[in-house]
Amino acid sequence: MTIEEENDTVRRALEEKKAEDAASYDVRGRSSVTDATVVASATSVPHLRALAVAVERAMAAKGAHARVSGDAESAWIVLDYSDLMVHLFLPDARRYYDIESLWKKS
């Protein structure tokens, strides 16, 4: 699967589960750990869990499996597919960590 196909799969899964403010960043040449990242917000702890499960299922159906860090209670879940990292946050944690500022083009 290409990085674009992975990104599309993740974005569709997030849209189906009503993720908020999803954003994708191509970070090739700017990151030594991944080629792309997707960031999205959940409205609650159960919603955060549901987003992570939806992404994992969609990607597993395509043969991709993630290393998972964090949990819903920590307000941040990271799904690491090596060339694509998915960061799922509760809104306050997303504002606090502001990881998107690393990837936005200046």
N, C-alpha and C. Protein backbone atom coordinates (compact mmCIF):
# COMPACT_ATOMS: atom_id res chain seq x y z
N MET A 1 0.85 -1.18 0.00
CA MET A 1 0.00 0.00 0.00
C MET A 1 0.90 1.24 0.00
N THR A 2 0.57 2.20 -0.83
CA THR A 2 1.35 3.44 -0.87
C THR A 2 0.98 4.32 0.32
N ILE A 3 1.80 5.31 0.57
CA ILE A 3 1.51 6.24 1.66
C ILE A 3 0.19 6.97 1.40
N GLU A 4 -0.09 7.26 0.14
CA GLU A 4 -1.35 7.93 -0.20
C GLU A 4 -2.55 7.02 0.07
N GLU A 5 -2.41 5.73 -0.23
CA GLU A 5 -3.49 4.78 0.05
C GLU A 5 -3.69 4.60 1.55
N GLU A 6 -2.59 4.56 2.30
CA GLU A 6 -2.69 4.47 3.76
C GLU A 6 -3.41 5.70 4.31
N ASN A 7 -3.00 6.86 3.84
CA ASN A 7 -3.61 8.11 4.29
C ASN A 7 -5.11 8.12 3.99
N ASP A 8 -5.48 7.71 2.79
CA ASP A 8 -6.90 7.66 2.41
C ASP A 8 -7.69 6.69 3.29
N THR A 9 -7.10 5.53 3.57
CA THR A 9 -7.76 4.53 4.41
C THR A 9 -8.00 5.10 5.81
N VAL A 10 -6.98 5.72 6.37
CA VAL A 10 -7.11 6.31 7.71
C VAL A 10 -8.14 7.43 7.70
N ARG A 11 -8.06 8.32 6.73
CA ARG A 11 -9.00 9.45 6.67
C ARG A 11 -10.44 8.98 6.53
N ARG A 12 -10.69 7.94 5.72
CA ARG A 12 -12.06 7.41 5.58
C ARG A 12 -12.56 6.84 6.90
N ALA A 13 -11.70 6.08 7.58
CA ALA A 13 -12.10 5.50 8.87
C ALA A 13 -12.43 6.60 9.87
N LEU A 14 -11.63 7.65 9.89
CA LEU A 14 -11.88 8.76 10.82
C LEU A 14 -13.17 9.50 10.46
N GLU A 15 -13.41 9.71 9.18
CA GLU A 15 -14.64 10.38 8.74
C GLU A 15 -15.87 9.58 9.12
N GLU A 16 -15.81 8.26 8.94
CA GLU A 16 -16.94 7.38 9.26
C GLU A 16 -17.30 7.45 10.74
N LYS A 17 -16.31 7.65 11.58
CA LYS A 17 -16.53 7.71 13.02
C LYS A 17 -16.64 9.14 13.53
N LYS A 18 -16.75 10.09 12.61
CA LYS A 18 -17.00 11.50 12.95
C LYS A 18 -15.87 12.14 13.75
N ALA A 19 -14.63 11.84 13.37
CA ALA A 19 -13.49 12.53 13.99
C ALA A 19 -13.59 14.02 13.67
N GLU A 20 -13.05 14.82 14.54
CA GLU A 20 -13.09 16.28 14.34
C GLU A 20 -11.72 16.80 13.91
N ASP A 21 -11.74 17.78 13.01
CA ASP A 21 -10.53 18.51 12.61
C ASP A 21 -9.38 17.61 12.18
N ALA A 22 -9.67 16.60 11.38
CA ALA A 22 -8.60 15.72 10.89
C ALA A 22 -7.72 16.49 9.90
N ALA A 23 -6.42 16.29 10.04
CA ALA A 23 -5.45 16.95 9.16
C ALA A 23 -4.34 15.96 8.83
N SER A 24 -3.88 16.01 7.59
CA SER A 24 -2.79 15.14 7.13
C SER A 24 -1.59 15.99 6.76
N TYR A 25 -0.41 15.46 7.05
CA TYR A 25 0.82 16.17 6.74
C TYR A 25 1.81 15.22 6.09
N ASP A 26 2.35 15.61 4.96
CA ASP A 26 3.44 14.89 4.31
C ASP A 26 4.72 15.44 4.92
N VAL A 27 5.44 14.59 5.63
CA VAL A 27 6.63 15.06 6.35
C VAL A 27 7.91 14.42 5.82
N ARG A 28 7.82 13.87 4.60
CA ARG A 28 9.02 13.31 3.99
C ARG A 28 10.08 14.40 3.89
N GLY A 29 11.29 14.07 4.33
CA GLY A 29 12.38 15.02 4.31
C GLY A 29 12.41 15.94 5.51
N ARG A 30 11.37 15.91 6.34
CA ARG A 30 11.33 16.76 7.54
C ARG A 30 11.29 15.94 8.82
N SER A 31 11.11 14.64 8.69
CA SER A 31 11.05 13.77 9.85
C SER A 31 11.92 12.55 9.61
N SER A 32 12.61 12.12 10.63
CA SER A 32 13.43 10.92 10.49
C SER A 32 12.67 9.66 10.93
N VAL A 33 11.44 9.82 11.42
CA VAL A 33 10.71 8.67 11.94
C VAL A 33 9.50 8.26 11.12
N THR A 34 9.00 9.12 10.24
CA THR A 34 7.83 8.78 9.45
C THR A 34 7.78 9.62 8.18
N ASP A 35 6.94 9.21 7.26
CA ASP A 35 6.78 9.96 6.01
C ASP A 35 5.53 10.84 6.02
N ALA A 36 4.56 10.44 6.83
CA ALA A 36 3.31 11.21 6.89
C ALA A 36 2.69 11.05 8.27
N THR A 37 1.86 12.00 8.62
CA THR A 37 1.15 11.94 9.88
C THR A 37 -0.26 12.46 9.70
N VAL A 38 -1.17 11.86 10.44
CA VAL A 38 -2.56 12.30 10.48
C VAL A 38 -2.86 12.64 11.93
N VAL A 39 -3.54 13.77 12.12
CA VAL A 39 -3.91 14.22 13.46
C VAL A 39 -5.42 14.45 13.45
N ALA A 40 -6.11 13.99 14.50
CA ALA A 40 -7.55 14.19 14.59
C ALA A 40 -7.97 14.26 16.05
N SER A 41 -9.13 14.84 16.28
CA SER A 41 -9.67 14.97 17.63
C SER A 41 -10.92 14.13 17.82
N ALA A 42 -11.12 13.72 19.06
CA ALA A 42 -12.33 13.01 19.49
C ALA A 42 -13.09 13.90 20.46
N THR A 43 -14.36 13.63 20.63
CA THR A 43 -15.19 14.45 21.51
C THR A 43 -15.25 13.93 22.94
N SER A 44 -14.81 12.69 23.16
CA SER A 44 -14.89 12.07 24.48
C SER A 44 -13.93 10.89 24.54
N VAL A 45 -13.76 10.34 25.73
CA VAL A 45 -12.91 9.16 25.88
C VAL A 45 -13.45 7.99 25.07
N PRO A 46 -14.76 7.67 25.14
CA PRO A 46 -15.26 6.57 24.31
C PRO A 46 -15.08 6.84 22.81
N HIS A 47 -15.24 8.08 22.39
CA HIS A 47 -15.05 8.42 20.99
C HIS A 47 -13.59 8.23 20.59
N LEU A 48 -12.67 8.60 21.45
CA LEU A 48 -11.24 8.42 21.18
C LEU A 48 -10.93 6.94 20.97
N ARG A 49 -11.48 6.10 21.84
CA ARG A 49 -11.29 4.65 21.69
C ARG A 49 -11.87 4.16 20.36
N ALA A 50 -13.07 4.63 20.03
CA ALA A 50 -13.73 4.21 18.79
C ALA A 50 -12.94 4.62 17.56
N LEU A 51 -12.35 5.81 17.59
CA LEU A 51 -11.53 6.26 16.46
C LEU A 51 -10.33 5.34 16.28
N ALA A 52 -9.66 5.02 17.37
CA ALA A 52 -8.48 4.15 17.29
C ALA A 52 -8.86 2.77 16.76
N VAL A 53 -9.94 2.20 17.25
CA VAL A 53 -10.39 0.89 16.79
C VAL A 53 -10.75 0.93 15.30
N ALA A 54 -11.43 1.98 14.87
CA ALA A 54 -11.83 2.10 13.47
C ALA A 54 -10.61 2.17 12.56
N VAL A 55 -9.61 2.94 12.95
CA VAL A 55 -8.39 3.04 12.14
C VAL A 55 -7.67 1.70 12.12
N GLU A 56 -7.53 1.07 13.28
CA GLU A 56 -6.84 -0.22 13.33
C GLU A 56 -7.53 -1.26 12.45
N ARG A 57 -8.86 -1.32 12.50
CA ARG A 57 -9.60 -2.29 11.69
C ARG A 57 -9.44 -2.00 10.19
N ALA A 58 -9.57 -0.75 9.81
CA ALA A 58 -9.46 -0.39 8.40
C ALA A 58 -8.07 -0.71 7.86
N MET A 59 -7.06 -0.40 8.65
CA MET A 59 -5.69 -0.67 8.20
C MET A 59 -5.38 -2.17 8.23
N ALA A 60 -5.88 -2.89 9.22
CA ALA A 60 -5.66 -4.34 9.29
C ALA A 60 -6.29 -5.03 8.09
N ALA A 61 -7.43 -4.52 7.64
CA ALA A 61 -8.09 -5.09 6.45
C ALA A 61 -7.21 -4.95 5.21
N LYS A 62 -6.30 -3.99 5.24
CA LYS A 62 -5.36 -3.78 4.13
C LYS A 62 -4.01 -4.42 4.40
N GLY A 63 -3.89 -5.14 5.54
CA GLY A 63 -2.66 -5.84 5.86
C GLY A 63 -1.65 -5.05 6.69
N ALA A 64 -2.05 -3.89 7.18
CA ALA A 64 -1.12 -3.06 7.96
C ALA A 64 -1.49 -3.13 9.45
N HIS A 65 -0.49 -3.24 10.27
CA HIS A 65 -0.70 -3.33 11.72
C HIS A 65 0.19 -2.31 12.43
N ALA A 66 -0.37 -1.70 13.46
CA ALA A 66 0.31 -0.60 14.15
C ALA A 66 0.90 -1.01 15.48
N ARG A 67 1.89 -0.26 15.87
CA ARG A 67 2.34 -0.24 17.26
C ARG A 67 1.52 0.88 17.90
N VAL A 68 0.91 0.60 19.02
CA VAL A 68 0.01 1.56 19.66
C VAL A 68 0.63 2.06 20.95
N SER A 69 0.60 3.37 21.13
CA SER A 69 1.07 4.00 22.37
C SER A 69 -0.06 4.86 22.92
N GLY A 70 -0.05 5.03 24.23
CA GLY A 70 -1.07 5.83 24.88
C GLY A 70 -2.37 5.06 24.99
N ASP A 71 -3.34 5.71 25.59
CA ASP A 71 -4.67 5.13 25.71
C ASP A 71 -5.68 6.25 25.88
N ALA A 72 -6.94 5.91 25.83
CA ALA A 72 -7.98 6.94 25.89
C ALA A 72 -7.92 7.75 27.18
N GLU A 73 -7.55 7.12 28.28
CA GLU A 73 -7.49 7.84 29.54
C GLU A 73 -6.36 8.87 29.57
N SER A 74 -5.34 8.68 28.74
CA SER A 74 -4.25 9.65 28.68
C SER A 74 -4.56 10.78 27.71
N ALA A 75 -5.70 10.69 27.02
CA ALA A 75 -6.19 11.72 26.09
C ALA A 75 -5.43 11.76 24.78
N TRP A 76 -4.57 10.76 24.51
CA TRP A 76 -3.79 10.75 23.29
C TRP A 76 -3.43 9.31 22.93
N ILE A 77 -3.78 8.89 21.73
CA ILE A 77 -3.42 7.57 21.23
C ILE A 77 -2.62 7.77 19.95
N VAL A 78 -1.50 7.05 19.85
CA VAL A 78 -0.68 7.10 18.64
C VAL A 78 -0.67 5.71 18.03
N LEU A 79 -1.01 5.66 16.74
CA LEU A 79 -0.95 4.42 15.97
C LEU A 79 0.22 4.58 14.99
N ASP A 80 1.25 3.79 15.18
CA ASP A 80 2.48 3.92 14.40
C ASP A 80 2.55 2.83 13.35
N TYR A 81 2.36 3.23 12.10
CA TYR A 81 2.46 2.31 10.97
C TYR A 81 3.81 2.49 10.24
N SER A 82 4.80 2.97 10.92
CA SER A 82 6.15 3.26 10.42
C SER A 82 6.15 4.44 9.46
N ASP A 83 5.64 4.26 8.25
CA ASP A 83 5.66 5.38 7.30
C ASP A 83 4.48 6.33 7.48
N LEU A 84 3.52 5.96 8.33
CA LEU A 84 2.38 6.82 8.65
C LEU A 84 2.10 6.73 10.13
N MET A 85 2.02 7.87 10.79
CA MET A 85 1.67 7.90 12.21
C MET A 85 0.35 8.63 12.37
N VAL A 86 -0.53 8.04 13.18
CA VAL A 86 -1.85 8.61 13.42
C VAL A 86 -1.92 9.04 14.88
N HIS A 87 -2.15 10.33 15.09
CA HIS A 87 -2.25 10.89 16.43
C HIS A 87 -3.71 11.26 16.69
N LEU A 88 -4.32 10.64 17.70
CA LEU A 88 -5.70 10.90 18.05
C LEU A 88 -5.73 11.52 19.44
N PHE A 89 -6.41 12.64 19.56
CA PHE A 89 -6.39 13.42 20.80
C PHE A 89 -7.79 13.76 21.28
N LEU A 90 -7.89 14.02 22.57
CA LEU A 90 -9.00 14.82 23.08
C LEU A 90 -8.60 16.28 22.86
N PRO A 91 -9.55 17.19 22.68
CA PRO A 91 -9.22 18.57 22.28
C PRO A 91 -8.20 19.28 23.18
N ASP A 92 -8.32 19.18 24.49
CA ASP A 92 -7.38 19.88 25.36
C ASP A 92 -5.95 19.37 25.17
N ALA A 93 -5.80 18.06 25.02
CA ALA A 93 -4.46 17.49 24.81
C ALA A 93 -3.90 17.91 23.46
N ARG A 94 -4.77 17.98 22.46
CA ARG A 94 -4.29 18.40 21.13
C ARG A 94 -3.78 19.84 21.19
N ARG A 95 -4.49 20.69 21.86
CA ARG A 95 -4.02 22.09 21.99
C ARG A 95 -2.74 22.15 22.82
N TYR A 96 -2.67 21.39 23.89
CA TYR A 96 -1.51 21.43 24.77
C TYR A 96 -0.24 20.98 24.04
N TYR A 97 -0.30 19.84 23.37
CA TYR A 97 0.89 19.30 22.71
C TYR A 97 1.20 19.99 21.38
N ASP A 98 0.21 20.48 20.71
CA ASP A 98 0.37 21.26 19.48
C ASP A 98 1.40 20.67 18.52
N ILE A 99 1.32 19.35 18.31
CA ILE A 99 2.31 18.72 17.43
C ILE A 99 2.18 19.19 15.99
N GLU A 100 1.03 19.68 15.61
CA GLU A 100 0.86 20.15 14.23
C GLU A 100 1.78 21.31 13.91
N SER A 101 2.15 22.06 14.90
CA SER A 101 3.06 23.20 14.63
C SER A 101 4.41 22.70 14.11
N LEU A 102 4.74 21.44 14.37
CA LEU A 102 5.98 20.85 13.84
C LEU A 102 5.90 20.65 12.33
N TRP A 103 4.70 20.40 11.83
CA TRP A 103 4.54 19.97 10.45
C TRP A 103 3.94 21.00 9.51
N LYS A 104 3.34 22.01 10.04
CA LYS A 104 2.76 23.03 9.16
C LYS A 104 3.88 23.72 8.41
N LYS A 105 3.68 23.90 7.13
CA LYS A 105 4.70 24.56 6.32
C LYS A 105 4.74 26.03 6.63
N SER A 106 5.94 26.58 6.76
CA SER A 106 6.07 28.00 7.06
C SER A 106 6.16 28.83 5.80
